[in-house]
Amino acid sequence: MKDKITQTSQARSKSKTGFNRSRQMRDTDIDYSDIPRLGKSFWKTAKLTMPEPKDRLTIRIDHDVVEWLKKQGSGYQTRINAILRSYMKAQSDGSTHRRM
């Protein structure tokens, strides 16, 4: 089995998101003043939108590509999907289609 790549606590401490500060806040410390209240009219017209289901598949990707994607942070599979979607849109927007 290959060694699992994990973040060290030192790598996590370099985060610039402020999640640690948020975790320590109490609900009463949160300022909601800039968020408008949703009235009954909002809920009368609100529509539930479910995400498209994803297909599970197995693909082979070069090791260095996978490592590069993982170094970008968590969510590398989502990034792969976004990259493929971007390429798909670029190919479908053009009038000429090439085969690889």
PDB file of N, CA and C in Angstrom:
ATOM      1  N   MET A   1       0.838  -1.170   0.000  1.00  0.00           N
ATOM      2  CA  MET A   1       0.000   0.000   0.000  1.00  0.00           C
ATOM      3  C   MET A   1       0.889   1.240   0.000  1.00  0.00           C
ATOM      4  N   LYS A   2       0.502   2.255  -0.770  1.00  0.00           N
ATOM      5  CA  LYS A   2       1.292   3.481  -0.827  1.00  0.00           C
ATOM      6  C   LYS A   2       1.058   4.322   0.414  1.00  0.00           C
ATOM      7  N   ASP A   3       2.084   5.125   0.754  1.00  0.00           N
ATOM      8  CA  ASP A   3       1.947   6.005   1.908  1.00  0.00           C
ATOM      9  C   ASP A   3       0.858   7.028   1.647  1.00  0.00           C
ATOM     10  N   LYS A   4       0.056   7.268   2.644  1.00  0.00           N
ATOM     11  CA  LYS A   4      -1.022   8.243   2.530  1.00  0.00           C
ATOM     12  C   LYS A   4      -0.454   9.638   2.771  1.00  0.00           C
ATOM     13  N   ILE A   5      -0.829  10.572   1.943  1.00  0.00           N
ATOM     14  CA  ILE A   5      -0.359  11.942   2.077  1.00  0.00           C
ATOM     15  C   ILE A   5      -1.307  12.674   3.020  1.00  0.00           C
ATOM     16  N   THR A   6      -0.761  13.230   4.089  1.00  0.00           N
ATOM     17  CA  THR A   6      -1.584  13.972   5.036  1.00  0.00           C
ATOM     18  C   THR A   6      -0.945  15.316   5.298  1.00  0.00           C
ATOM     19  N   GLN A   7      -1.786  16.273   5.685  1.00  0.00           N
ATOM     20  CA  GLN A   7      -1.278  17.585   6.040  1.00  0.00           C
ATOM     21  C   GLN A   7      -0.727  17.537   7.453  1.00  0.00           C
ATOM     22  N   THR A   8       0.335  18.247   7.685  1.00  0.00           N
ATOM     23  CA  THR A   8       0.863  18.350   9.040  1.00  0.00           C
ATOM     24  C   THR A   8       0.134  19.485   9.751  1.00  0.00           C
ATOM     25  N   SER A   9       0.192  19.493  11.050  1.00  0.00           N
ATOM     26  CA  SER A   9      -0.462  20.574  11.793  1.00  0.00           C
ATOM     27  C   SER A   9       0.178  21.913  11.447  1.00  0.00           C
ATOM     28  N   GLN A  10       1.452  21.896  11.089  1.00  0.00           N
ATOM     29  CA  GLN A  10       2.130  23.131  10.699  1.00  0.00           C
ATOM     30  C   GLN A  10       1.524  23.668   9.398  1.00  0.00           C
ATOM     31  N   ALA A  11       1.234  22.789   8.435  1.00  0.00           N
ATOM     32  CA  ALA A  11       0.641  23.235   7.171  1.00  0.00           C
ATOM     33  C   ALA A  11      -0.747  23.801   7.413  1.00  0.00           C
ATOM     34  N   ARG A  12      -1.499  23.204   8.323  1.00  0.00           N
ATOM     35  CA  ARG A  12      -2.842  23.691   8.613  1.00  0.00           C
ATOM     36  C   ARG A  12      -2.794  25.063   9.273  1.00  0.00           C
ATOM     37  N   SER A  13      -1.777  25.332  10.056  1.00  0.00           N
ATOM     38  CA  SER A  13      -1.715  26.602  10.778  1.00  0.00           C
ATOM     39  C   SER A  13      -1.460  27.778   9.840  1.00  0.00           C
ATOM     40  N   LYS A  14      -1.054  27.524   8.612  1.00  0.00           N
ATOM     41  CA  LYS A  14      -0.781  28.602   7.666  1.00  0.00           C
ATOM     42  C   LYS A  14      -2.048  29.101   6.973  1.00  0.00           C
ATOM     43  N   SER A  15      -3.199  28.550   7.326  1.00  0.00           N
ATOM     44  CA  SER A  15      -4.455  28.934   6.698  1.00  0.00           C
ATOM     45  C   SER A  15      -4.735  30.412   6.904  1.00  0.00           C
ATOM     46  N   LYS A  16      -5.254  31.057   5.872  1.00  0.00           N
ATOM     47  CA  LYS A  16      -5.592  32.474   5.953  1.00  0.00           C
ATOM     48  C   LYS A  16      -7.103  32.676   5.972  1.00  0.00           C
ATOM     49  N   THR A  17      -7.843  31.623   6.206  1.00  0.00           N
ATOM     50  CA  THR A  17      -9.296  31.712   6.148  1.00  0.00           C
ATOM     51  C   THR A  17      -9.932  32.244   7.409  1.00  0.00           C
ATOM     52  N   GLY A  18      -9.305  32.100   8.531  1.00  0.00           N
ATOM     53  CA  GLY A  18      -9.885  32.540   9.788  1.00  0.00           C
ATOM     54  C   GLY A  18     -10.856  31.528  10.379  1.00  0.00           C
ATOM     55  N   PHE A  19     -10.783  30.270   9.923  1.00  0.00           N
ATOM     56  CA  PHE A  19     -11.685  29.243  10.443  1.00  0.00           C
ATOM     57  C   PHE A  19     -11.473  29.022  11.932  1.00  0.00           C
ATOM     58  N   ASN A  20     -10.231  29.070  12.390  1.00  0.00           N
ATOM     59  CA  ASN A  20      -9.973  28.866  13.818  1.00  0.00           C
ATOM     60  C   ASN A  20     -10.685  29.922  14.648  1.00  0.00           C
ATOM     61  N   ARG A  21     -10.618  31.173  14.202  1.00  0.00           N
ATOM     62  CA  ARG A  21     -11.303  32.265  14.906  1.00  0.00           C
ATOM     63  C   ARG A  21     -12.810  32.033  14.876  1.00  0.00           C
ATOM     64  N   SER A  22     -13.338  31.587  13.738  1.00  0.00           N
ATOM     65  CA  SER A  22     -14.775  31.330  13.611  1.00  0.00           C
ATOM     66  C   SER A  22     -15.228  30.202  14.519  1.00  0.00           C
ATOM     67  N   ARG A  23     -14.407  29.163  14.639  1.00  0.00           N
ATOM     68  CA  ARG A  23     -14.758  28.030  15.496  1.00  0.00           C
ATOM     69  C   ARG A  23     -14.867  28.441  16.966  1.00  0.00           C
ATOM     70  N   GLN A  24     -14.088  29.431  17.350  1.00  0.00           N
ATOM     71  CA  GLN A  24     -14.075  29.857  18.744  1.00  0.00           C
ATOM     72  C   GLN A  24     -15.195  30.847  19.071  1.00  0.00           C
ATOM     73  N   MET A  25     -15.873  31.358  18.047  1.00  0.00           N
ATOM     74  CA  MET A  25     -16.944  32.327  18.271  1.00  0.00           C
ATOM     75  C   MET A  25     -18.204  31.644  18.788  1.00  0.00           C
ATOM     76  N   ARG A  26     -18.937  32.363  19.616  1.00  0.00           N
ATOM     77  CA  ARG A  26     -20.253  31.893  20.038  1.00  0.00           C
ATOM     78  C   ARG A  26     -21.273  32.432  19.036  1.00  0.00           C
ATOM     79  N   ASP A  27     -22.413  31.788  18.935  1.00  0.00           N
ATOM     80  CA  ASP A  27     -23.457  32.234  18.008  1.00  0.00           C
ATOM     81  C   ASP A  27     -23.860  33.680  18.286  1.00  0.00           C
ATOM     82  N   THR A  28     -23.850  34.079  19.543  1.00  0.00           N
ATOM     83  CA  THR A  28     -24.253  35.448  19.890  1.00  0.00           C
ATOM     84  C   THR A  28     -23.236  36.486  19.426  1.00  0.00           C
ATOM     85  N   ASP A  29     -22.010  36.064  19.094  1.00  0.00           N
ATOM     86  CA  ASP A  29     -20.968  36.980  18.626  1.00  0.00           C
ATOM     87  C   ASP A  29     -21.057  37.255  17.126  1.00  0.00           C
ATOM     88  N   ILE A  30     -21.896  36.534  16.415  1.00  0.00           N
ATOM     89  CA  ILE A  30     -21.973  36.670  14.962  1.00  0.00           C
ATOM     90  C   ILE A  30     -22.878  37.843  14.599  1.00  0.00           C
ATOM     91  N   ASP A  31     -22.390  38.706  13.718  1.00  0.00           N
ATOM     92  CA  ASP A  31     -23.145  39.877  13.272  1.00  0.00           C
ATOM     93  C   ASP A  31     -23.951  39.508  12.025  1.00  0.00           C
ATOM     94  N   TYR A  32     -25.251  39.451  12.150  1.00  0.00           N
ATOM     95  CA  TYR A  32     -26.138  39.113  11.036  1.00  0.00           C
ATOM     96  C   TYR A  32     -26.777  40.361  10.420  1.00  0.00           C
ATOM     97  N   SER A  33     -26.343  41.544  10.808  1.00  0.00           N
ATOM     98  CA  SER A  33     -27.025  42.775  10.408  1.00  0.00           C
ATOM     99  C   SER A  33     -27.039  43.019   8.900  1.00  0.00           C
ATOM    100  N   ASP A  34     -26.067  42.469   8.165  1.00  0.00           N
ATOM    101  CA  ASP A  34     -26.032  42.714   6.718  1.00  0.00           C
ATOM    102  C   ASP A  34     -26.762  41.626   5.917  1.00  0.00           C
ATOM    103  N   ILE A  35     -27.420  40.707   6.613  1.00  0.00           N
ATOM    104  CA  ILE A  35     -28.156  39.638   5.934  1.00  0.00           C
ATOM    105  C   ILE A  35     -29.646  39.951   6.044  1.00  0.00           C
ATOM    106  N   PRO A  36     -30.324  40.188   4.924  1.00  0.00           N
ATOM    107  CA  PRO A  36     -31.752  40.523   5.000  1.00  0.00           C
ATOM    108  C   PRO A  36     -32.577  39.321   5.459  1.00  0.00           C
ATOM    109  N   ARG A  37     -33.636  39.599   6.196  1.00  0.00           N
ATOM    110  CA  ARG A  37     -34.548  38.539   6.620  1.00  0.00           C
ATOM    111  C   ARG A  37     -35.354  38.064   5.416  1.00  0.00           C
ATOM    112  N   LEU A  38     -35.606  36.765   5.379  1.00  0.00           N
ATOM    113  CA  LEU A  38     -36.408  36.199   4.303  1.00  0.00           C
ATOM    114  C   LEU A  38     -37.852  36.125   4.760  1.00  0.00           C
ATOM    115  N   GLY A  39     -38.721  36.822   4.043  1.00  0.00           N
ATOM    116  CA  GLY A  39     -40.136  36.835   4.404  1.00  0.00           C
ATOM    117  C   GLY A  39     -40.877  35.641   3.821  1.00  0.00           C
ATOM    118  N   LYS A  40     -42.177  35.584   4.099  1.00  0.00           N
ATOM    119  CA  LYS A  40     -43.012  34.486   3.614  1.00  0.00           C
ATOM    120  C   LYS A  40     -43.060  34.447   2.090  1.00  0.00           C
ATOM    121  N   SER A  41     -42.970  35.595   1.439  1.00  0.00           N
ATOM    122  CA  SER A  41     -43.034  35.620  -0.022  1.00  0.00           C
ATOM    123  C   SER A  41     -41.841  34.888  -0.650  1.00  0.00           C
ATOM    124  N   PHE A  42     -40.687  34.956   0.007  1.00  0.00           N
ATOM    125  CA  PHE A  42     -39.521  34.236  -0.510  1.00  0.00           C
ATOM    126  C   PHE A  42     -39.797  32.739  -0.529  1.00  0.00           C
ATOM    127  N   TRP A  43     -40.330  32.220   0.576  1.00  0.00           N
ATOM    128  CA  TRP A  43     -40.556  30.780   0.690  1.00  0.00           C
ATOM    129  C   TRP A  43     -41.699  30.308  -0.194  1.00  0.00           C
ATOM    130  N   LYS A  44     -42.615  31.203  -0.570  1.00  0.00           N
ATOM    131  CA  LYS A  44     -43.708  30.815  -1.473  1.00  0.00           C
ATOM    132  C   LYS A  44     -43.193  30.547  -2.879  1.00  0.00           C
ATOM    133  N   THR A  45     -42.132  31.265  -3.284  1.00  0.00           N
ATOM    134  CA  THR A  45     -41.606  31.115  -4.646  1.00  0.00           C
ATOM    135  C   THR A  45     -40.291  30.342  -4.701  1.00  0.00           C
ATOM    136  N   ALA A  46     -39.769  29.961  -3.532  1.00  0.00           N
ATOM    137  CA  ALA A  46     -38.488  29.245  -3.487  1.00  0.00           C
ATOM    138  C   ALA A  46     -38.619  27.881  -4.150  1.00  0.00           C
ATOM    139  N   LYS A  47     -37.581  27.500  -4.896  1.00  0.00           N
ATOM    140  CA  LYS A  47     -37.558  26.197  -5.556  1.00  0.00           C
ATOM    141  C   LYS A  47     -36.332  25.432  -5.099  1.00  0.00           C
ATOM    142  N   LEU A  48     -36.547  24.162  -4.802  1.00  0.00           N
ATOM    143  CA  LEU A  48     -35.445  23.300  -4.404  1.00  0.00           C
ATOM    144  C   LEU A  48     -34.719  22.828  -5.661  1.00  0.00           C
ATOM    145  N   THR A  49     -33.423  23.047  -5.704  1.00  0.00           N
ATOM    146  CA  THR A  49     -32.618  22.604  -6.832  1.00  0.00           C
ATOM    147  C   THR A  49     -31.610  21.579  -6.318  1.00  0.00           C
ATOM    148  N   MET A  50     -31.764  20.361  -6.783  1.00  0.00           N
ATOM    149  CA  MET A  50     -30.867  19.292  -6.373  1.00  0.00           C
ATOM    150  C   MET A  50     -29.674  19.244  -7.318  1.00  0.00           C
ATOM    151  N   PRO A  51     -28.489  18.916  -6.810  1.00  0.00           N
ATOM    152  CA  PRO A  51     -27.323  18.817  -7.696  1.00  0.00           C
ATOM    153  C   PRO A  51     -27.475  17.623  -8.640  1.00  0.00           C
ATOM    154  N   GLU A  52     -26.845  17.742  -9.793  1.00  0.00           N
ATOM    155  CA  GLU A  52     -26.842  16.634 -10.746  1.00  0.00           C
ATOM    156  C   GLU A  52     -26.097  15.460 -10.121  1.00  0.00           C
ATOM    157  N   PRO A  53     -26.604  14.249 -10.332  1.00  0.00           N
ATOM    158  CA  PRO A  53     -25.876  13.102  -9.788  1.00  0.00           C
ATOM    159  C   PRO A  53     -24.539  12.921 -10.514  1.00  0.00           C
ATOM    160  N   LYS A  54     -23.582  12.413  -9.819  1.00  0.00           N
ATOM    161  CA  LYS A  54     -22.262  12.176 -10.407  1.00  0.00           C
ATOM    162  C   LYS A  54     -22.113  10.700 -10.726  1.00  0.00           C
ATOM    163  N   ASP A  55     -21.340  10.409 -11.754  1.00  0.00           N
ATOM    164  CA  ASP A  55     -21.024   9.030 -12.101  1.00  0.00           C
ATOM    165  C   ASP A  55     -19.739   8.636 -11.394  1.00  0.00           C
ATOM    166  N   ARG A  56     -19.710   7.443 -10.851  1.00  0.00           N
ATOM    167  CA  ARG A  56     -18.495   6.925 -10.233  1.00  0.00           C
ATOM    168  C   ARG A  56     -17.752   6.132 -11.300  1.00  0.00           C
ATOM    169  N   LEU A  57     -16.488   6.452 -11.485  1.00  0.00           N
ATOM    170  CA  LEU A  57     -15.696   5.712 -12.454  1.00  0.00           C
ATOM    171  C   LEU A  57     -14.246   5.656 -12.020  1.00  0.00           C
ATOM    172  N   THR A  58     -13.518   4.777 -12.648  1.00  0.00           N
ATOM    173  CA  THR A  58     -12.098   4.631 -12.368  1.00  0.00           C
ATOM    174  C   THR A  58     -11.334   5.072 -13.603  1.00  0.00           C
ATOM    175  N   ILE A  59     -10.405   5.997 -13.411  1.00  0.00           N
ATOM    176  CA  ILE A  59      -9.566   6.449 -14.523  1.00  0.00           C
ATOM    177  C   ILE A  59      -8.110   6.392 -14.079  1.00  0.00           C
ATOM    178  N   ARG A  60      -7.236   6.345 -15.031  1.00  0.00           N
ATOM    179  CA  ARG A  60      -5.802   6.361 -14.734  1.00  0.00           C
ATOM    180  C   ARG A  60      -5.264   7.733 -15.123  1.00  0.00           C
ATOM    181  N   ILE A  61      -4.640   8.387 -14.156  1.00  0.00           N
ATOM    182  CA  ILE A  61      -4.085   9.720 -14.351  1.00  0.00           C
ATOM    183  C   ILE A  61      -2.620   9.664 -13.938  1.00  0.00           C
ATOM    184  N   ASP A  62      -1.767  10.329 -14.690  1.00  0.00           N
ATOM    185  CA  ASP A  62      -0.340  10.351 -14.370  1.00  0.00           C
ATOM    186  C   ASP A  62      -0.124  10.792 -12.922  1.00  0.00           C
ATOM    187  N   HIS A  63       0.825  10.142 -12.258  1.00  0.00           N
ATOM    188  CA  HIS A  63       1.101  10.385 -10.847  1.00  0.00           C
ATOM    189  C   HIS A  63       1.417  11.850 -10.570  1.00  0.00           C
ATOM    190  N   ASP A  64       2.240  12.460 -11.428  1.00  0.00           N
ATOM    191  CA  ASP A  64       2.619  13.851 -11.183  1.00  0.00           C
ATOM    192  C   ASP A  64       1.427  14.792 -11.305  1.00  0.00           C
ATOM    193  N   VAL A  65       0.475  14.463 -12.150  1.00  0.00           N
ATOM    194  CA  VAL A  65      -0.729  15.285 -12.292  1.00  0.00           C
ATOM    195  C   VAL A  65      -1.573  15.186 -11.020  1.00  0.00           C
ATOM    196  N   VAL A  66      -1.752  13.977 -10.513  1.00  0.00           N
ATOM    197  CA  VAL A  66      -2.520  13.781  -9.282  1.00  0.00           C
ATOM    198  C   VAL A  66      -1.848  14.495  -8.119  1.00  0.00           C
ATOM    199  N   GLU A  67      -0.534  14.373  -8.012  1.00  0.00           N
ATOM    200  CA  GLU A  67       0.188  15.047  -6.927  1.00  0.00           C
ATOM    201  C   GLU A  67       0.019  16.556  -7.011  1.00  0.00           C
ATOM    202  N   TRP A  68       0.093  17.107  -8.219  1.00  0.00           N
ATOM    203  CA  TRP A  68      -0.089  18.547  -8.406  1.00  0.00           C
ATOM    204  C   TRP A  68      -1.483  18.973  -7.960  1.00  0.00           C
ATOM    205  N   LEU A  69      -2.500  18.202  -8.354  1.00  0.00           N
ATOM    206  CA  LEU A  69      -3.875  18.525  -7.965  1.00  0.00           C
ATOM    207  C   LEU A  69      -4.052  18.460  -6.452  1.00  0.00           C
ATOM    208  N   LYS A  70      -3.460  17.464  -5.811  1.00  0.00           N
ATOM    209  CA  LYS A  70      -3.584  17.321  -4.357  1.00  0.00           C
ATOM    210  C   LYS A  70      -2.864  18.444  -3.619  1.00  0.00           C
ATOM    211  N   LYS A  71      -1.771  18.946  -4.189  1.00  0.00           N
ATOM    212  CA  LYS A  71      -1.031  20.036  -3.548  1.00  0.00           C
ATOM    213  C   LYS A  71      -1.831  21.338  -3.553  1.00  0.00           C
ATOM    214  N   GLN A  72      -2.845  21.438  -4.406  1.00  0.00           N
ATOM    215  CA  GLN A  72      -3.666  22.641  -4.468  1.00  0.00           C
ATOM    216  C   GLN A  72      -4.610  22.723  -3.271  1.00  0.00           C
ATOM    217  N   GLY A  73      -4.716  21.648  -2.503  1.00  0.00           N
ATOM    218  CA  GLY A  73      -5.586  21.622  -1.325  1.00  0.00           C
ATOM    219  C   GLY A  73      -6.654  20.562  -1.473  1.00  0.00           C
ATOM    220  N   SER A  74      -7.531  20.484  -0.477  1.00  0.00           N
ATOM    221  CA  SER A  74      -8.568  19.463  -0.513  1.00  0.00           C
ATOM    222  C   SER A  74      -9.528  19.727  -1.669  1.00  0.00           C
ATOM    223  N   GLY A  75     -10.188  18.679  -2.108  1.00  0.00           N
ATOM    224  CA  GLY A  75     -11.141  18.808  -3.204  1.00  0.00           C
ATOM    225  C   GLY A  75     -10.535  18.562  -4.571  1.00  0.00           C
ATOM    226  N   TYR A  76      -9.506  17.738  -4.642  1.00  0.00           N
ATOM    227  CA  TYR A  76      -8.849  17.534  -5.931  1.00  0.00           C
ATOM    228  C   TYR A  76      -9.782  16.872  -6.945  1.00  0.00           C
ATOM    229  N   GLN A  77     -10.682  16.012  -6.499  1.00  0.00           N
ATOM    230  CA  GLN A  77     -11.613  15.383  -7.441  1.00  0.00           C
ATOM    231  C   GLN A  77     -12.591  16.416  -7.998  1.00  0.00           C
ATOM    232  N   THR A  78     -13.022  17.333  -7.171  1.00  0.00           N
ATOM    233  CA  THR A  78     -13.885  18.417  -7.633  1.00  0.00           C
ATOM    234  C   THR A  78     -13.147  19.281  -8.643  1.00  0.00           C
ATOM    235  N   ARG A  79     -11.845  19.514  -8.387  1.00  0.00           N
ATOM    236  CA  ARG A  79     -11.036  20.284  -9.333  1.00  0.00           C
ATOM    237  C   ARG A  79     -10.906  19.566 -10.665  1.00  0.00           C
ATOM    238  N   ILE A  80     -10.711  18.236 -10.624  1.00  0.00           N
ATOM    239  CA  ILE A  80     -10.635  17.461 -11.868  1.00  0.00           C
ATOM    240  C   ILE A  80     -11.926  17.647 -12.648  1.00  0.00           C
ATOM    241  N   ASN A  81     -13.056  17.569 -11.972  1.00  0.00           N
ATOM    242  CA  ASN A  81     -14.349  17.747 -12.621  1.00  0.00           C
ATOM    243  C   ASN A  81     -14.462  19.146 -13.234  1.00  0.00           C
ATOM    244  N   ALA A  82     -14.023  20.170 -12.489  1.00  0.00           N
ATOM    245  CA  ALA A  82     -14.088  21.543 -12.986  1.00  0.00           C
ATOM    246  C   ALA A  82     -13.195  21.734 -14.212  1.00  0.00           C
ATOM    247  N   ILE A  83     -12.020  21.136 -14.198  1.00  0.00           N
ATOM    248  CA  ILE A  83     -11.104  21.231 -15.344  1.00  0.00           C
ATOM    249  C   ILE A  83     -11.725  20.567 -16.565  1.00  0.00           C
ATOM    250  N   LEU A  84     -12.283  19.377 -16.366  1.00  0.00           N
ATOM    251  CA  LEU A  84     -12.912  18.673 -17.488  1.00  0.00           C
ATOM    252  C   LEU A  84     -14.135  19.429 -18.005  1.00  0.00           C
ATOM    253  N   ARG A  85     -14.925  20.009 -17.099  1.00  0.00           N
ATOM    254  CA  ARG A  85     -16.100  20.783 -17.512  1.00  0.00           C
ATOM    255  C   ARG A  85     -15.676  22.007 -18.320  1.00  0.00           C
ATOM    256  N   SER A  86     -14.632  22.683 -17.863  1.00  0.00           N
ATOM    257  CA  SER A  86     -14.126  23.854 -18.580  1.00  0.00           C
ATOM    258  C   SER A  86     -13.683  23.474 -19.987  1.00  0.00           C
ATOM    259  N   TYR A  87     -12.968  22.371 -20.106  1.00  0.00           N
ATOM    260  CA  TYR A  87     -12.525  21.897 -21.419  1.00  0.00           C
ATOM    261  C   TYR A  87     -13.728  21.528 -22.286  1.00  0.00           C
ATOM    262  N   MET A  88     -14.712  20.842 -21.688  1.00  0.00           N
ATOM    263  CA  MET A  88     -15.909  20.446 -22.420  1.00  0.00           C
ATOM    264  C   MET A  88     -16.635  21.684 -22.971  1.00  0.00           C
ATOM    265  N   LYS A  89     -16.792  22.715 -22.123  1.00  0.00           N
ATOM    266  CA  LYS A  89     -17.475  23.937 -22.576  1.00  0.00           C
ATOM    267  C   LYS A  89     -16.696  24.641 -23.674  1.00  0.00           C
ATOM    268  N   ALA A  90     -15.375  24.669 -23.522  1.00  0.00           N
ATOM    269  CA  ALA A  90     -14.542  25.324 -24.546  1.00  0.00           C
ATOM    270  C   ALA A  90     -14.679  24.602 -25.878  1.00  0.00           C
ATOM    271  N   GLN A  91     -14.768  23.290 -25.842  1.00  0.00           N
ATOM    272  CA  GLN A  91     -14.891  22.514 -27.077  1.00  0.00           C
ATOM    273  C   GLN A  91     -16.280  22.657 -27.682  1.00  0.00           C
ATOM    274  N   SER A  92     -17.319  22.743 -26.856  1.00  0.00           N
ATOM    275  CA  SER A  92     -18.669  22.825 -27.400  1.00  0.00           C
ATOM    276  C   SER A  92     -19.033  24.234 -27.837  1.00  0.00           C
ATOM    277  N   ASP A  93     -18.340  25.247 -27.322  1.00  0.00           N
ATOM    278  CA  ASP A  93     -18.626  26.624 -27.728  1.00  0.00           C
ATOM    279  C   ASP A  93     -18.099  26.937 -29.124  1.00  0.00           C
ATOM    280  N   GLY A  94     -17.030  26.277 -29.523  1.00  0.00           N
ATOM    281  CA  GLY A  94     -16.452  26.533 -30.835  1.00  0.00           C
ATOM    282  C   GLY A  94     -17.231  25.828 -31.937  1.00  0.00           C
ATOM    283  N   SER A  95     -17.126  26.341 -33.143  1.00  0.00           N
ATOM    284  CA  SER A  95     -17.859  25.730 -34.254  1.00  0.00           C
ATOM    285  C   SER A  95     -17.114  24.541 -34.832  1.00  0.00           C
ATOM    286  N   THR A  96     -15.807  24.448 -34.588  1.00  0.00           N
ATOM    287  CA  THR A  96     -15.047  23.316 -35.108  1.00  0.00           C
ATOM    288  C   THR A  96     -14.706  22.389 -33.965  1.00  0.00           C
ATOM    289  N   HIS A  97     -14.812  21.107 -34.231  1.00  0.00           N
ATOM    290  CA  HIS A  97     -14.491  20.094 -33.233  1.00  0.00           C
ATOM    291  C   HIS A  97     -13.354  19.251 -33.749  1.00  0.00           C
ATOM    292  N   ARG A  98     -12.363  19.059 -32.908  1.00  0.00           N
ATOM    293  CA  ARG A  98     -11.224  18.216 -33.270  1.00  0.00           C
ATOM    294  C   ARG A  98     -11.324  16.913 -32.513  1.00  0.00           C
ATOM    295  N   ARG A  99     -10.833  15.884 -33.110  1.00  0.00           N
ATOM    296  CA  ARG A  99     -10.705  14.613 -32.410  1.00  0.00           C
ATOM    297  C   ARG A  99      -9.267  14.469 -31.961  1.00  0.00           C
ATOM    298  N   MET A 100      -9.097  13.917 -30.790  1.00  0.00           N
ATOM    299  CA  MET A 100      -7.742  13.727 -30.272  1.00  0.00           C
ATOM    300  C   MET A 100      -7.209  12.387 -30.681  1.00  0.00           C
TER     301      MET A 100
END
